[in-house]
Amino acid sequence: MRKLDAYAYYFQFTLTPYGPELEPNVADKDTSIVPTFIELSKMIGSDRVIWRYDSIVITSKWTLDRHIAEFTRLSDKLAGYTKKVII
């Protein structure tokens, strides 16, 4: 990663709250994906890791209120490890 320091770069890191019902081949968010995000941020800095909360699927199970709650929960976990989120 240090070889990239000479360049202006960032990582756009997609992180949504969906489980296996929508993302069957994605590792567990809380035990794998969030820690990876945090580790990357510690390595390269919070200004180089942009959180992407996308796509937003609205269904009877994934309501707008649920998305707001999950976005808030993930925001709390990522606080201090990113400076930008893209929706």
C-alpha atoms as a PDB file:
ATOM      1  CA  MET A   1       0.000   0.000   0.000  1.00  0.00           C
ATOM      2  CA  ARG A   2       2.866   2.395   0.720  1.00  0.00           C
ATOM      3  CA  LYS A   3       3.861   2.228  -2.957  1.00  0.00           C
ATOM      4  CA  LEU A   4       0.650   4.125  -3.709  1.00  0.00           C
ATOM      5  CA  ASP A   5       1.556   7.057  -1.446  1.00  0.00           C
ATOM      6  CA  ALA A   6       3.067   8.949  -4.383  1.00  0.00           C
ATOM      7  CA  TYR A   7      -0.334   8.965  -6.094  1.00  0.00           C
ATOM      8  CA  ALA A   8      -3.619  10.696  -5.411  1.00  0.00           C
ATOM      9  CA  TYR A   9      -5.992   7.791  -4.836  1.00  0.00           C
ATOM     10  CA  TYR A  10      -8.899   6.563  -2.757  1.00  0.00           C
ATOM     11  CA  PHE A  11     -10.889   3.378  -2.290  1.00  0.00           C
ATOM     12  CA  GLN A  12     -14.630   3.386  -2.755  1.00  0.00           C
ATOM     13  CA  PHE A  13     -15.831   0.678  -0.375  1.00  0.00           C
ATOM     14  CA  THR A  14     -19.380  -0.625  -0.757  1.00  0.00           C
ATOM     15  CA  LEU A  15     -21.010  -1.583   2.518  1.00  0.00           C
ATOM     16  CA  THR A  16     -24.734  -2.238   2.878  1.00  0.00           C
ATOM     17  CA  PRO A  17     -26.631  -3.979   5.672  1.00  0.00           C
ATOM     18  CA  TYR A  18     -28.079  -6.762   3.541  1.00  0.00           C
ATOM     19  CA  GLY A  19     -27.655 -10.359   4.573  1.00  0.00           C
ATOM     20  CA  PRO A  20     -27.646 -13.573   2.563  1.00  0.00           C
ATOM     21  CA  GLU A  21     -31.206 -13.017   1.358  1.00  0.00           C
ATOM     22  CA  LEU A  22     -29.899 -10.310  -1.010  1.00  0.00           C
ATOM     23  CA  GLU A  23     -26.145 -10.948  -0.952  1.00  0.00           C
ATOM     24  CA  PRO A  24     -25.720 -14.710  -0.605  1.00  0.00           C
ATOM     25  CA  ASN A  25     -21.975 -14.808  -1.320  1.00  0.00           C
ATOM     26  CA  VAL A  26     -20.852 -11.872   0.804  1.00  0.00           C
ATOM     27  CA  ALA A  27     -19.078 -12.395   4.127  1.00  0.00           C
ATOM     28  CA  ASP A  28     -20.753 -11.348   7.375  1.00  0.00           C
ATOM     29  CA  LYS A  29     -20.798  -7.559   7.599  1.00  0.00           C
ATOM     30  CA  ASP A  30     -20.171  -7.150  11.336  1.00  0.00           C
ATOM     31  CA  THR A  31     -17.480  -9.796  11.744  1.00  0.00           C
ATOM     32  CA  SER A  32     -15.658  -9.484   8.416  1.00  0.00           C
ATOM     33  CA  ILE A  33     -16.570  -6.530   6.198  1.00  0.00           C
ATOM     34  CA  VAL A  34     -16.692  -3.736   8.813  1.00  0.00           C
ATOM     35  CA  PRO A  35     -13.371  -4.841  10.368  1.00  0.00           C
ATOM     36  CA  THR A  36     -11.799  -4.897   6.886  1.00  0.00           C
ATOM     37  CA  PHE A  37     -13.044  -1.354   6.259  1.00  0.00           C
ATOM     38  CA  ILE A  38     -11.555  -0.210   9.574  1.00  0.00           C
ATOM     39  CA  GLU A  39      -8.243  -1.958   8.897  1.00  0.00           C
ATOM     40  CA  LEU A  40      -7.980  -0.342   5.446  1.00  0.00           C
ATOM     41  CA  SER A  41      -8.743   3.070   6.940  1.00  0.00           C
ATOM     42  CA  LYS A  42      -6.037   2.615   9.573  1.00  0.00           C
ATOM     43  CA  MET A  43      -3.542   1.674   6.834  1.00  0.00           C
ATOM     44  CA  ILE A  44      -4.207   4.485   4.362  1.00  0.00           C
ATOM     45  CA  GLY A  45      -6.191   7.107   6.296  1.00  0.00           C
ATOM     46  CA  SER A  46      -9.856   7.956   6.652  1.00  0.00           C
ATOM     47  CA  ASP A  47      -9.670  10.538   3.853  1.00  0.00           C
ATOM     48  CA  ARG A  48      -8.834   7.792   1.340  1.00  0.00           C
ATOM     49  CA  VAL A  49     -11.673   5.408   2.155  1.00  0.00           C
ATOM     50  CA  ILE A  50     -15.092   6.447   0.869  1.00  0.00           C
ATOM     51  CA  TRP A  51     -18.083   4.488   2.095  1.00  0.00           C
ATOM     52  CA  ARG A  52     -20.627   3.617  -0.597  1.00  0.00           C
ATOM     53  CA  TYR A  53     -24.121   2.767   0.741  1.00  0.00           C
ATOM     54  CA  ASP A  54     -25.633   1.495  -2.474  1.00  0.00           C
ATOM     55  CA  SER A  55     -27.811   0.015  -3.776  1.00  0.00           C
ATOM     56  CA  ILE A  56     -30.831   0.853  -1.675  1.00  0.00           C
ATOM     57  CA  VAL A  57     -33.527  -1.759  -2.112  1.00  0.00           C
ATOM     58  CA  ILE A  58     -36.997  -0.819  -0.854  1.00  0.00           C
ATOM     59  CA  THR A  59     -39.307  -3.759  -0.126  1.00  0.00           C
ATOM     60  CA  SER A  60     -41.787  -4.724   2.554  1.00  0.00           C
ATOM     61  CA  LYS A  61     -38.824  -6.082   4.557  1.00  0.00           C
ATOM     62  CA  TRP A  62     -36.338  -3.356   3.647  1.00  0.00           C
ATOM     63  CA  THR A  63     -38.407  -0.257   4.373  1.00  0.00           C
ATOM     64  CA  LEU A  64     -37.113   3.298   4.379  1.00  0.00           C
ATOM     65  CA  ASP A  65     -37.246   3.307   8.190  1.00  0.00           C
ATOM     66  CA  ARG A  66     -35.150   0.142   8.328  1.00  0.00           C
ATOM     67  CA  HIS A  67     -32.596   1.674   5.979  1.00  0.00           C
ATOM     68  CA  ILE A  68     -32.379   4.766   8.163  1.00  0.00           C
ATOM     69  CA  ALA A  69     -31.823   2.582  11.241  1.00  0.00           C
ATOM     70  CA  GLU A  70     -29.209   0.416   9.502  1.00  0.00           C
ATOM     71  CA  PHE A  71     -27.443   3.408   7.988  1.00  0.00           C
ATOM     72  CA  THR A  72     -27.250   4.958  11.458  1.00  0.00           C
ATOM     73  CA  ARG A  73     -25.908   1.711  12.948  1.00  0.00           C
ATOM     74  CA  LEU A  74     -23.225   1.391  10.264  1.00  0.00           C
ATOM     75  CA  SER A  75     -22.383   5.094  10.569  1.00  0.00           C
ATOM     76  CA  ASP A  76     -21.708   4.597  14.262  1.00  0.00           C
ATOM     77  CA  LYS A  77     -19.352   1.695  13.497  1.00  0.00           C
ATOM     78  CA  LEU A  78     -17.476   3.604  10.779  1.00  0.00           C
ATOM     79  CA  ALA A  79     -17.245   6.907  12.655  1.00  0.00           C
ATOM     80  CA  GLY A  80     -13.674   8.173  12.464  1.00  0.00           C
ATOM     81  CA  TYR A  81     -12.708   5.714   9.715  1.00  0.00           C
ATOM     82  CA  THR A  82     -14.110   7.646   6.742  1.00  0.00           C
ATOM     83  CA  LYS A  83     -14.899  11.237   5.952  1.00  0.00           C
ATOM     84  CA  LYS A  84     -17.322  10.694   3.099  1.00  0.00           C
ATOM     85  CA  VAL A  85     -20.292   8.525   2.218  1.00  0.00           C
ATOM     86  CA  ILE A  86     -21.877   8.172  -1.210  1.00  0.00           C
ATOM     87  CA  ILE A  87     -25.485   7.123  -1.556  1.00  0.00           C
END
